[in-house]
Amino acid sequence: MSLPLFSYDIPSGTWSRIHTSGHIPFDHLEGLVSWGSKLLCVGWAWPPAGVKGGSYMQVASLDLGQLVGKSAATPKSPLPRRTPTAFSPPATRSLRSRTTPCWTAITVKAPPTARVGCSAALLKDQLVLHGGMPCSAAAKAQLTGDVFGLDLSSMTWQQFGSSSSHSSNVPRVNHAMVPVESADAIVVLGK
């Protein structure tokens, strides 16, 4: 599937479409994180008709190293310069591409079952996935507090803790999550 990708230039307040090639191998996007010069997105797709088995989380990447910032002239500050440290707004930048970036599906090992309403964050060398609602008839709209990590060097998923242990069971759906690298932890907010 081809999902549209946009960038927002904060100083100018303008949106720009980033044209891409290739396709994301899933149609339900659950998370998007920046990893160095790449974007990683995580999501899932229903299995094709007639295929038995469940859906699993999938990952795709887009190399943004091909994009460059185009600097515009730095606007003059409306504030009078009274000291050498007076405020000067940053230059306006917009992303443009030398070539069309291409989405690439990433083959991962031991992916978690597909889930909707989960959150994703990058914590050091792990793409962390938390919560959501499993996409299976057996789950019957049950929220989960599972925490999974995709080791970005081996592209292998692992579950942290146990889904039944009290310390790791904080069921959430459609929530926000951020990494706190200094504590090697994630923080979630939402119901």
N, C-alpha and C. Protein backbone atom coordinates (compact mmCIF):
# COMPACT_ATOMS: atom_id res chain seq x y z
N MET A 1 0.85 -1.17 0.00
CA MET A 1 0.00 0.00 0.00
C MET A 1 0.89 1.23 0.00
N SER A 2 0.43 2.26 -0.62
CA SER A 2 1.18 3.50 -0.64
C SER A 2 0.46 4.52 0.23
N LEU A 3 1.06 4.84 1.36
CA LEU A 3 0.50 5.84 2.25
C LEU A 3 1.20 7.17 1.98
N PRO A 4 0.46 8.29 1.94
CA PRO A 4 1.10 9.58 1.68
C PRO A 4 1.97 10.01 2.86
N LEU A 5 3.11 10.62 2.54
CA LEU A 5 4.06 11.08 3.54
C LEU A 5 4.23 12.59 3.36
N PHE A 6 4.15 13.32 4.47
CA PHE A 6 4.25 14.78 4.43
C PHE A 6 5.28 15.25 5.45
N SER A 7 5.88 16.41 5.18
CA SER A 7 6.73 17.06 6.18
C SER A 7 6.12 18.42 6.47
N TYR A 8 6.33 18.88 7.70
CA TYR A 8 5.81 20.18 8.12
C TYR A 8 6.98 21.06 8.53
N ASP A 9 7.11 22.20 7.88
CA ASP A 9 8.16 23.16 8.19
C ASP A 9 7.62 24.12 9.25
N ILE A 10 8.10 24.01 10.46
CA ILE A 10 7.56 24.79 11.58
C ILE A 10 7.75 26.29 11.39
N PRO A 11 8.94 26.79 11.04
CA PRO A 11 9.08 28.25 10.92
C PRO A 11 8.15 28.88 9.87
N SER A 12 7.95 28.19 8.74
CA SER A 12 7.10 28.79 7.70
C SER A 12 5.65 28.37 7.82
N GLY A 13 5.38 27.31 8.60
CA GLY A 13 4.00 26.83 8.74
C GLY A 13 3.45 26.18 7.50
N THR A 14 4.32 25.53 6.71
CA THR A 14 3.86 24.92 5.46
C THR A 14 4.07 23.42 5.45
N TRP A 15 3.14 22.74 4.80
CA TRP A 15 3.22 21.29 4.58
C TRP A 15 3.75 21.03 3.19
N SER A 16 4.54 19.95 3.03
CA SER A 16 5.03 19.52 1.73
C SER A 16 4.89 18.01 1.63
N ARG A 17 4.45 17.54 0.50
CA ARG A 17 4.35 16.10 0.27
C ARG A 17 5.72 15.58 -0.11
N ILE A 18 6.11 14.46 0.51
CA ILE A 18 7.35 13.77 0.14
C ILE A 18 6.93 12.58 -0.71
N HIS A 19 7.26 12.64 -1.98
CA HIS A 19 6.89 11.55 -2.88
C HIS A 19 7.84 10.38 -2.67
N THR A 20 7.28 9.18 -2.59
CA THR A 20 8.06 7.98 -2.35
C THR A 20 7.72 6.94 -3.41
N SER A 21 8.58 5.95 -3.53
CA SER A 21 8.31 4.81 -4.39
C SER A 21 8.26 3.56 -3.51
N GLY A 22 8.01 2.44 -4.13
CA GLY A 22 7.86 1.20 -3.36
C GLY A 22 6.53 1.24 -2.64
N HIS A 23 6.35 0.30 -1.74
CA HIS A 23 5.11 0.29 -0.98
C HIS A 23 5.35 -0.26 0.41
N ILE A 24 4.48 0.14 1.31
CA ILE A 24 4.49 -0.38 2.66
C ILE A 24 3.67 -1.67 2.61
N PRO A 25 4.20 -2.79 3.12
CA PRO A 25 3.52 -4.08 2.94
C PRO A 25 2.31 -4.30 3.84
N PHE A 26 1.76 -3.24 4.38
CA PHE A 26 0.59 -3.39 5.24
C PHE A 26 -0.31 -2.18 5.07
N ASP A 27 -1.57 -2.32 5.45
CA ASP A 27 -2.49 -1.21 5.28
C ASP A 27 -2.99 -0.62 6.59
N HIS A 28 -2.54 -1.14 7.71
CA HIS A 28 -2.90 -0.60 9.02
C HIS A 28 -1.63 -0.13 9.70
N LEU A 29 -1.37 1.16 9.64
CA LEU A 29 -0.17 1.75 10.24
C LEU A 29 -0.41 1.99 11.72
N GLU A 30 0.50 1.51 12.56
CA GLU A 30 0.35 1.65 14.02
C GLU A 30 1.41 2.55 14.63
N GLY A 31 2.55 2.74 13.97
CA GLY A 31 3.59 3.59 14.55
C GLY A 31 4.61 4.01 13.51
N LEU A 32 5.19 5.19 13.73
CA LEU A 32 6.21 5.73 12.85
C LEU A 32 7.27 6.37 13.74
N VAL A 33 8.53 5.96 13.58
CA VAL A 33 9.62 6.51 14.38
C VAL A 33 10.79 6.87 13.47
N SER A 34 11.60 7.79 13.92
CA SER A 34 12.80 8.19 13.22
C SER A 34 13.97 7.40 13.79
N TRP A 35 14.78 6.78 12.91
CA TRP A 35 15.93 5.98 13.33
C TRP A 35 17.12 6.41 12.49
N GLY A 36 17.93 7.30 13.02
CA GLY A 36 19.05 7.83 12.25
C GLY A 36 18.51 8.59 11.06
N SER A 37 18.93 8.21 9.86
CA SER A 37 18.44 8.87 8.64
C SER A 37 17.24 8.14 8.05
N LYS A 38 16.68 7.19 8.79
CA LYS A 38 15.55 6.41 8.27
C LYS A 38 14.29 6.63 9.08
N LEU A 39 13.17 6.37 8.43
CA LEU A 39 11.89 6.25 9.12
C LEU A 39 11.59 4.77 9.20
N LEU A 40 11.11 4.32 10.35
CA LEU A 40 10.62 2.96 10.51
C LEU A 40 9.14 3.04 10.79
N CYS A 41 8.35 2.28 10.06
CA CYS A 41 6.93 2.23 10.38
C CYS A 41 6.57 0.78 10.68
N VAL A 42 5.63 0.64 11.60
CA VAL A 42 5.19 -0.69 12.03
C VAL A 42 3.68 -0.75 11.86
N GLY A 43 3.21 -1.87 11.37
CA GLY A 43 1.78 -2.04 11.13
C GLY A 43 1.46 -3.48 10.82
N TRP A 44 0.28 -3.70 10.24
CA TRP A 44 -0.16 -5.07 9.96
C TRP A 44 -1.16 -5.07 8.82
N ALA A 45 -1.40 -6.25 8.27
CA ALA A 45 -2.39 -6.44 7.20
C ALA A 45 -3.12 -7.75 7.46
N TRP A 46 -4.37 -7.80 7.07
CA TRP A 46 -5.10 -9.06 7.16
C TRP A 46 -4.47 -10.05 6.20
N PRO A 47 -4.47 -11.36 6.54
CA PRO A 47 -3.92 -12.33 5.59
C PRO A 47 -4.78 -12.38 4.33
N PRO A 48 -4.19 -12.70 3.19
CA PRO A 48 -4.97 -12.79 1.96
C PRO A 48 -6.09 -13.82 2.09
N ALA A 49 -7.14 -13.63 1.33
CA ALA A 49 -8.27 -14.56 1.36
C ALA A 49 -7.80 -15.98 1.09
N GLY A 50 -8.30 -16.90 1.88
CA GLY A 50 -7.94 -18.31 1.73
C GLY A 50 -6.69 -18.73 2.47
N VAL A 51 -5.95 -17.78 3.02
CA VAL A 51 -4.73 -18.10 3.76
C VAL A 51 -5.08 -18.27 5.23
N LYS A 52 -4.71 -19.42 5.78
CA LYS A 52 -4.98 -19.68 7.19
C LYS A 52 -3.86 -19.10 8.04
N GLY A 53 -4.21 -18.75 9.25
CA GLY A 53 -3.21 -18.19 10.16
C GLY A 53 -3.55 -16.74 10.45
N GLY A 54 -2.89 -16.21 11.43
CA GLY A 54 -3.18 -14.85 11.86
C GLY A 54 -2.28 -13.82 11.21
N SER A 55 -2.53 -12.61 11.57
CA SER A 55 -1.70 -11.49 11.09
C SER A 55 -0.63 -11.19 12.13
N TYR A 56 0.50 -10.69 11.66
CA TYR A 56 1.61 -10.35 12.53
C TYR A 56 2.07 -8.93 12.23
N MET A 57 2.73 -8.33 13.21
CA MET A 57 3.27 -6.99 13.03
C MET A 57 4.38 -7.04 11.98
N GLN A 58 4.39 -6.05 11.12
CA GLN A 58 5.37 -5.95 10.04
C GLN A 58 6.06 -4.60 10.14
N VAL A 59 7.25 -4.51 9.55
CA VAL A 59 8.05 -3.29 9.63
C VAL A 59 8.54 -2.93 8.23
N ALA A 60 8.57 -1.63 7.93
CA ALA A 60 9.12 -1.13 6.68
C ALA A 60 9.99 0.09 7.00
N SER A 61 10.95 0.38 6.11
CA SER A 61 11.83 1.53 6.33
C SER A 61 11.87 2.41 5.09
N LEU A 62 12.18 3.67 5.34
CA LEU A 62 12.35 4.65 4.27
C LEU A 62 13.61 5.44 4.59
N ASP A 63 14.58 5.42 3.68
CA ASP A 63 15.84 6.12 3.90
C ASP A 63 15.66 7.60 3.57
N LEU A 64 15.74 8.45 4.60
CA LEU A 64 15.61 9.89 4.41
C LEU A 64 16.94 10.55 4.12
N GLY A 65 18.02 9.76 4.07
CA GLY A 65 19.33 10.31 3.78
C GLY A 65 19.37 10.95 2.40
N GLN A 66 18.42 10.57 1.54
CA GLN A 66 18.34 11.15 0.20
C GLN A 66 17.67 12.52 0.22
N LEU A 67 17.04 12.86 1.35
CA LEU A 67 16.38 14.16 1.45
C LEU A 67 17.36 15.17 2.00
N VAL A 68 17.27 16.36 1.51
CA VAL A 68 18.14 17.43 2.00
C VAL A 68 17.28 18.61 2.39
N GLY A 69 17.74 19.35 3.38
CA GLY A 69 17.02 20.55 3.77
C GLY A 69 17.43 21.70 2.86
N LYS A 70 16.46 22.42 2.36
CA LYS A 70 16.73 23.58 1.52
C LYS A 70 16.53 24.81 2.39
N SER A 71 17.61 25.47 2.70
CA SER A 71 17.53 26.63 3.60
C SER A 71 17.08 27.87 2.85
N ALA A 72 16.19 28.59 3.49
CA ALA A 72 15.77 29.89 2.99
C ALA A 72 16.51 30.95 3.81
N ALA A 73 16.41 32.16 3.40
CA ALA A 73 17.08 33.24 4.14
C ALA A 73 16.52 33.32 5.56
N THR A 74 17.40 33.59 6.50
CA THR A 74 16.97 33.73 7.89
C THR A 74 16.21 35.04 8.02
N PRO A 75 14.95 34.97 8.51
CA PRO A 75 14.21 36.22 8.65
C PRO A 75 14.83 37.10 9.73
N LYS A 76 14.72 38.38 9.55
CA LYS A 76 15.24 39.31 10.56
C LYS A 76 14.34 39.30 11.77
N SER A 77 14.94 39.40 12.92
CA SER A 77 14.18 39.43 14.17
C SER A 77 13.51 40.78 14.34
N PRO A 78 12.23 40.80 14.75
CA PRO A 78 11.57 42.07 14.99
C PRO A 78 12.03 42.71 16.30
N LEU A 79 12.81 41.96 17.08
CA LEU A 79 13.28 42.48 18.37
C LEU A 79 14.53 43.33 18.16
N PRO A 80 14.63 44.47 18.86
CA PRO A 80 15.84 45.30 18.71
C PRO A 80 17.05 44.56 19.30
N ARG A 81 18.18 44.72 18.67
CA ARG A 81 19.41 44.09 19.17
C ARG A 81 20.01 44.98 20.23
N ARG A 82 19.94 44.53 21.45
CA ARG A 82 20.51 45.32 22.56
C ARG A 82 21.80 44.68 23.07
N THR A 83 21.88 43.37 22.86
CA THR A 83 23.08 42.66 23.28
C THR A 83 23.49 41.72 22.16
N PRO A 84 24.71 41.21 22.18
CA PRO A 84 25.13 40.27 21.15
C PRO A 84 24.36 38.95 21.19
N THR A 85 23.64 38.67 22.27
CA THR A 85 22.93 37.41 22.38
C THR A 85 21.44 37.55 22.07
N ALA A 86 21.05 38.59 21.33
CA ALA A 86 19.64 38.79 20.99
C ALA A 86 19.12 37.60 20.18
N PHE A 87 17.83 37.34 20.31
CA PHE A 87 17.18 36.22 19.63
C PHE A 87 17.25 36.40 18.12
N SER A 88 17.58 35.32 17.43
CA SER A 88 17.55 35.31 15.98
C SER A 88 16.85 34.03 15.55
N PRO A 89 15.69 34.11 14.86
CA PRO A 89 14.97 32.92 14.47
C PRO A 89 15.81 32.02 13.57
N PRO A 90 15.59 30.71 13.63
CA PRO A 90 16.35 29.79 12.78
C PRO A 90 15.95 29.95 11.31
N ALA A 91 16.82 29.51 10.44
CA ALA A 91 16.51 29.56 9.01
C ALA A 91 15.35 28.61 8.71
N THR A 92 14.52 28.99 7.77
CA THR A 92 13.42 28.14 7.34
C THR A 92 14.00 27.04 6.46
N ARG A 93 13.59 25.80 6.72
CA ARG A 93 14.08 24.67 5.94
C ARG A 93 12.90 23.88 5.40
N SER A 94 13.00 23.42 4.20
CA SER A 94 11.98 22.52 3.67
C SER A 94 12.71 21.31 3.09
N LEU A 95 12.10 20.14 3.21
CA LEU A 95 12.72 18.92 2.71
C LEU A 95 12.44 18.78 1.22
N ARG A 96 13.47 18.47 0.48
CA ARG A 96 13.30 18.15 -0.93
C ARG A 96 14.19 16.95 -1.21
N SER A 97 13.90 16.25 -2.26
CA SER A 97 14.60 15.01 -2.53
C SER A 97 15.43 15.10 -3.79
N ARG A 98 16.64 14.56 -3.71
CA ARG A 98 17.47 14.44 -4.91
C ARG A 98 16.94 13.32 -5.78
N THR A 99 16.47 12.26 -5.15
CA THR A 99 15.84 11.14 -5.83
C THR A 99 14.61 10.76 -5.01
N THR A 100 13.79 9.90 -5.54
CA THR A 100 12.59 9.49 -4.83
C THR A 100 12.94 8.41 -3.81
N PRO A 101 12.73 8.67 -2.50
CA PRO A 101 13.01 7.64 -1.50
C PRO A 101 12.09 6.44 -1.70
N CYS A 102 12.58 5.26 -1.40
CA CYS A 102 11.84 4.02 -1.64
C CYS A 102 11.58 3.27 -0.34
N TRP A 103 10.32 2.91 -0.10
CA TRP A 103 9.97 2.09 1.05
C TRP A 103 10.52 0.68 0.85
N THR A 104 11.03 0.08 1.91
CA THR A 104 11.58 -1.27 1.88
C THR A 104 10.98 -2.08 3.02
N ALA A 105 10.41 -3.22 2.68
CA ALA A 105 9.90 -4.12 3.72
C ALA A 105 11.09 -4.74 4.43
N ILE A 106 11.01 -4.86 5.75
CA ILE A 106 12.09 -5.46 6.54
C ILE A 106 11.63 -6.83 7.02
N THR A 107 12.44 -7.83 6.77
CA THR A 107 12.15 -9.17 7.26
C THR A 107 12.54 -9.25 8.72
N VAL A 108 11.58 -9.59 9.57
CA VAL A 108 11.83 -9.66 11.01
C VAL A 108 11.58 -11.08 11.50
N LYS A 109 12.19 -11.41 12.63
CA LYS A 109 12.02 -12.74 13.23
C LYS A 109 11.11 -12.63 14.45
N ALA A 110 10.26 -13.64 14.63
CA ALA A 110 9.38 -13.77 15.80
C ALA A 110 8.49 -12.54 16.05
N PRO A 111 7.75 -12.08 15.02
CA PRO A 111 6.92 -10.89 15.23
C PRO A 111 5.73 -11.16 16.15
N PRO A 112 5.31 -10.14 16.90
CA PRO A 112 4.10 -10.29 17.72
C PRO A 112 2.86 -10.35 16.83
N THR A 113 1.79 -10.87 17.37
CA THR A 113 0.54 -10.90 16.61
C THR A 113 0.10 -9.47 16.33
N ALA A 114 -0.67 -9.32 15.26
CA ALA A 114 -1.15 -8.00 14.86
C ALA A 114 -2.02 -7.41 15.96
N ARG A 115 -1.92 -6.10 16.10
CA ARG A 115 -2.72 -5.39 17.10
C ARG A 115 -3.05 -4.00 16.58
N VAL A 116 -4.16 -3.48 17.02
CA VAL A 116 -4.60 -2.15 16.63
C VAL A 116 -4.58 -1.26 17.87
N GLY A 117 -4.26 0.02 17.69
CA GLY A 117 -4.26 0.96 18.81
C GLY A 117 -3.05 0.85 19.71
N CYS A 118 -1.97 0.23 19.24
CA CYS A 118 -0.75 0.14 20.05
C CYS A 118 0.09 1.40 19.83
N SER A 119 1.14 1.54 20.60
CA SER A 119 2.06 2.67 20.46
C SER A 119 3.46 2.15 20.19
N ALA A 120 4.24 2.94 19.46
CA ALA A 120 5.61 2.57 19.14
C ALA A 120 6.54 3.72 19.48
N ALA A 121 7.74 3.38 19.94
CA ALA A 121 8.77 4.38 20.23
C ALA A 121 10.13 3.73 20.02
N LEU A 122 11.12 4.57 19.75
CA LEU A 122 12.49 4.08 19.60
C LEU A 122 13.23 4.33 20.90
N LEU A 123 13.75 3.27 21.50
CA LEU A 123 14.52 3.37 22.73
C LEU A 123 15.87 2.72 22.48
N LYS A 124 16.89 3.56 22.32
CA LYS A 124 18.25 3.11 22.00
C LYS A 124 18.22 2.27 20.73
N ASP A 125 18.55 0.98 20.80
CA ASP A 125 18.59 0.15 19.60
C ASP A 125 17.38 -0.77 19.49
N GLN A 126 16.27 -0.37 20.11
CA GLN A 126 15.04 -1.18 20.09
C GLN A 126 13.86 -0.35 19.60
N LEU A 127 13.07 -0.93 18.71
CA LEU A 127 11.76 -0.36 18.38
C LEU A 127 10.80 -1.01 19.36
N VAL A 128 10.24 -0.22 20.28
CA VAL A 128 9.40 -0.76 21.35
C VAL A 128 7.94 -0.59 20.97
N LEU A 129 7.17 -1.64 21.18
CA LEU A 129 5.74 -1.67 20.87
C LEU A 129 5.00 -2.01 22.15
N HIS A 130 3.95 -1.24 22.47
CA HIS A 130 3.20 -1.48 23.71
C HIS A 130 1.71 -1.44 23.47
N GLY A 131 1.02 -2.36 24.15
CA GLY A 131 -0.43 -2.32 24.25
C GLY A 131 -1.17 -2.60 22.96
N GLY A 132 -2.38 -2.05 22.91
CA GLY A 132 -3.25 -2.25 21.77
C GLY A 132 -4.25 -3.36 22.02
N MET A 133 -4.89 -3.74 20.95
CA MET A 133 -5.91 -4.78 21.00
C MET A 133 -5.60 -5.79 19.91
N PRO A 134 -5.34 -7.06 20.27
CA PRO A 134 -5.01 -8.07 19.25
C PRO A 134 -6.10 -8.18 18.19
N CYS A 135 -5.67 -8.37 16.95
CA CYS A 135 -6.59 -8.49 15.82
C CYS A 135 -6.90 -9.96 15.56
N SER A 136 -7.67 -10.56 16.45
CA SER A 136 -8.08 -11.94 16.25
C SER A 136 -9.43 -12.15 16.90
N ALA A 137 -10.19 -13.08 16.35
CA ALA A 137 -11.52 -13.37 16.91
C ALA A 137 -11.39 -13.91 18.32
N ALA A 138 -10.31 -14.63 18.61
CA ALA A 138 -10.12 -15.22 19.94
C ALA A 138 -9.90 -14.15 21.01
N ALA A 139 -9.34 -13.00 20.63
CA ALA A 139 -9.05 -11.96 21.61
C ALA A 139 -10.30 -11.25 22.10
N LYS A 140 -11.35 -11.22 21.30
CA LYS A 140 -12.64 -10.63 21.67
C LYS A 140 -12.49 -9.23 22.27
N ALA A 141 -11.83 -8.34 21.56
CA ALA A 141 -11.67 -6.93 21.96
C ALA A 141 -11.03 -6.77 23.33
N GLN A 142 -10.11 -7.65 23.67
CA GLN A 142 -9.40 -7.57 24.94
C GLN A 142 -8.16 -6.69 24.79
N LEU A 143 -8.01 -5.71 25.68
CA LEU A 143 -6.82 -4.86 25.65
C LEU A 143 -5.62 -5.63 26.16
N THR A 144 -4.45 -5.25 25.68
CA THR A 144 -3.23 -5.90 26.13
C THR A 144 -2.24 -4.87 26.67
N GLY A 145 -1.40 -5.31 27.57
CA GLY A 145 -0.34 -4.47 28.11
C GLY A 145 1.02 -5.02 27.73
N ASP A 146 1.05 -5.91 26.74
CA ASP A 146 2.31 -6.50 26.30
C ASP A 146 3.30 -5.44 25.86
N VAL A 147 4.57 -5.71 26.11
CA VAL A 147 5.66 -4.85 25.64
C VAL A 147 6.61 -5.72 24.82
N PHE A 148 6.81 -5.33 23.57
CA PHE A 148 7.72 -6.05 22.68
C PHE A 148 8.81 -5.10 22.23
N GLY A 149 9.98 -5.66 21.94
CA GLY A 149 11.08 -4.87 21.42
C GLY A 149 11.64 -5.53 20.17
N LEU A 150 11.85 -4.74 19.14
CA LEU A 150 12.51 -5.22 17.94
C LEU A 150 13.95 -4.77 18.01
N ASP A 151 14.86 -5.72 18.20
CA ASP A 151 16.29 -5.43 18.22
C ASP A 151 16.69 -5.03 16.80
N LEU A 152 17.12 -3.80 16.61
CA LEU A 152 17.38 -3.29 15.27
C LEU A 152 18.68 -3.80 14.66
N SER A 153 19.52 -4.47 15.44
CA SER A 153 20.73 -5.06 14.85
C SER A 153 20.44 -6.46 14.31
N SER A 154 19.58 -7.21 14.99
CA SER A 154 19.27 -8.58 14.54
C SER A 154 17.90 -8.69 13.88
N MET A 155 17.09 -7.62 13.97
CA MET A 155 15.72 -7.60 13.45
C MET A 155 14.89 -8.75 14.02
N THR A 156 15.08 -8.98 15.33
CA THR A 156 14.34 -10.03 16.04
C THR A 156 13.48 -9.39 17.12
N TRP A 157 12.19 -9.77 17.14
CA TRP A 157 11.28 -9.30 18.18
C TRP A 157 11.45 -10.16 19.42
N GLN A 158 11.29 -9.55 20.57
CA GLN A 158 11.23 -10.29 21.83
C GLN A 158 10.19 -9.64 22.72
N GLN A 159 9.54 -10.44 23.55
CA GLN A 159 8.58 -9.90 24.50
C GLN A 159 9.30 -9.64 25.80
N PHE A 160 9.07 -8.46 26.39
CA PHE A 160 9.65 -8.13 27.67
C PHE A 160 8.67 -8.52 28.76
N GLY A 161 9.18 -9.12 29.82
CA GLY A 161 8.30 -9.55 30.91
C GLY A 161 7.33 -10.60 30.42
N SER A 162 6.24 -10.71 31.12
CA SER A 162 5.20 -11.67 30.77
C SER A 162 3.89 -10.92 30.67
N SER A 163 3.05 -11.30 29.72
CA SER A 163 1.77 -10.60 29.56
C SER A 163 0.88 -10.80 30.78
N SER A 164 1.17 -11.80 31.61
CA SER A 164 0.33 -12.02 32.79
C SER A 164 0.94 -11.46 34.07
N SER A 165 2.22 -11.02 34.01
CA SER A 165 2.82 -10.50 35.23
C SER A 165 2.30 -9.10 35.51
N HIS A 166 2.09 -8.79 36.78
CA HIS A 166 1.50 -7.51 37.17
C HIS A 166 2.36 -6.33 36.75
N SER A 167 3.68 -6.48 36.84
CA SER A 167 4.56 -5.35 36.55
C SER A 167 4.54 -4.95 35.07
N SER A 168 4.21 -5.89 34.18
CA SER A 168 4.21 -5.54 32.76
C SER A 168 2.80 -5.45 32.19
N ASN A 169 1.78 -5.60 33.03
CA ASN A 169 0.44 -5.62 32.51
C ASN A 169 -0.26 -4.28 32.75
N VAL A 170 -0.03 -3.34 31.85
CA VAL A 170 -0.68 -2.04 31.89
C VAL A 170 -1.44 -1.91 30.57
N PRO A 171 -2.64 -2.52 30.48
CA PRO A 171 -3.37 -2.51 29.21
C PRO A 171 -3.76 -1.09 28.78
N ARG A 172 -3.44 -0.76 27.54
CA ARG A 172 -3.77 0.55 26.99
C ARG A 172 -4.08 0.39 25.50
N VAL A 173 -4.90 1.28 24.99
CA VAL A 173 -5.19 1.33 23.56
C VAL A 173 -5.30 2.80 23.15
N ASN A 174 -4.81 3.12 21.96
CA ASN A 174 -4.82 4.49 21.45
C ASN A 174 -4.20 5.47 22.44
N HIS A 175 -3.06 5.11 22.96
CA HIS A 175 -2.36 5.89 23.97
C HIS A 175 -1.07 6.47 23.40
N ALA A 176 -0.44 7.34 24.15
CA ALA A 176 0.83 7.93 23.75
C ALA A 176 1.96 7.26 24.54
N MET A 177 3.13 7.18 23.91
CA MET A 177 4.28 6.55 24.55
C MET A 177 5.53 7.30 24.12
N VAL A 178 6.42 7.55 25.07
CA VAL A 178 7.70 8.19 24.76
C VAL A 178 8.82 7.42 25.46
N PRO A 179 10.01 7.43 24.86
CA PRO A 179 11.15 6.80 25.52
C PRO A 179 11.80 7.77 26.51
N VAL A 180 12.36 7.21 27.58
CA VAL A 180 13.18 7.98 28.52
C VAL A 180 14.52 7.24 28.56
N GLU A 181 15.42 7.66 27.67
CA GLU A 181 16.67 6.92 27.50
C GLU A 181 17.53 6.89 28.75
N SER A 182 17.53 7.97 29.52
CA SER A 182 18.39 7.99 30.71
C SER A 182 17.97 6.94 31.73
N ALA A 183 16.70 6.53 31.70
CA ALA A 183 16.21 5.51 32.63
C ALA A 183 16.03 4.16 31.95
N ASP A 184 16.34 4.08 30.63
CA ASP A 184 16.14 2.85 29.85
C ASP A 184 14.71 2.36 30.03
N ALA A 185 13.76 3.28 29.85
CA ALA A 185 12.35 2.98 30.10
C ALA A 185 11.46 3.69 29.09
N ILE A 186 10.19 3.31 29.06
CA ILE A 186 9.17 4.01 28.31
C ILE A 186 8.14 4.54 29.29
N VAL A 187 7.47 5.60 28.89
CA VAL A 187 6.40 6.18 29.70
C VAL A 187 5.17 6.21 28.82
N VAL A 188 4.03 5.73 29.34
CA VAL A 188 2.79 5.74 28.57
C VAL A 188 1.77 6.64 29.25
N LEU A 189 0.91 7.23 28.42
CA LEU A 189 -0.14 8.10 28.92
C LEU A 189 -1.41 7.78 28.14
N GLY A 190 -2.47 7.50 28.84
CA GLY A 190 -3.75 7.24 28.18
C GLY A 190 -4.52 6.16 28.92
N LYS A 191 -5.76 5.98 28.48
CA LYS A 191 -6.64 5.02 29.13
C LYS A 191 -6.52 3.66 28.51
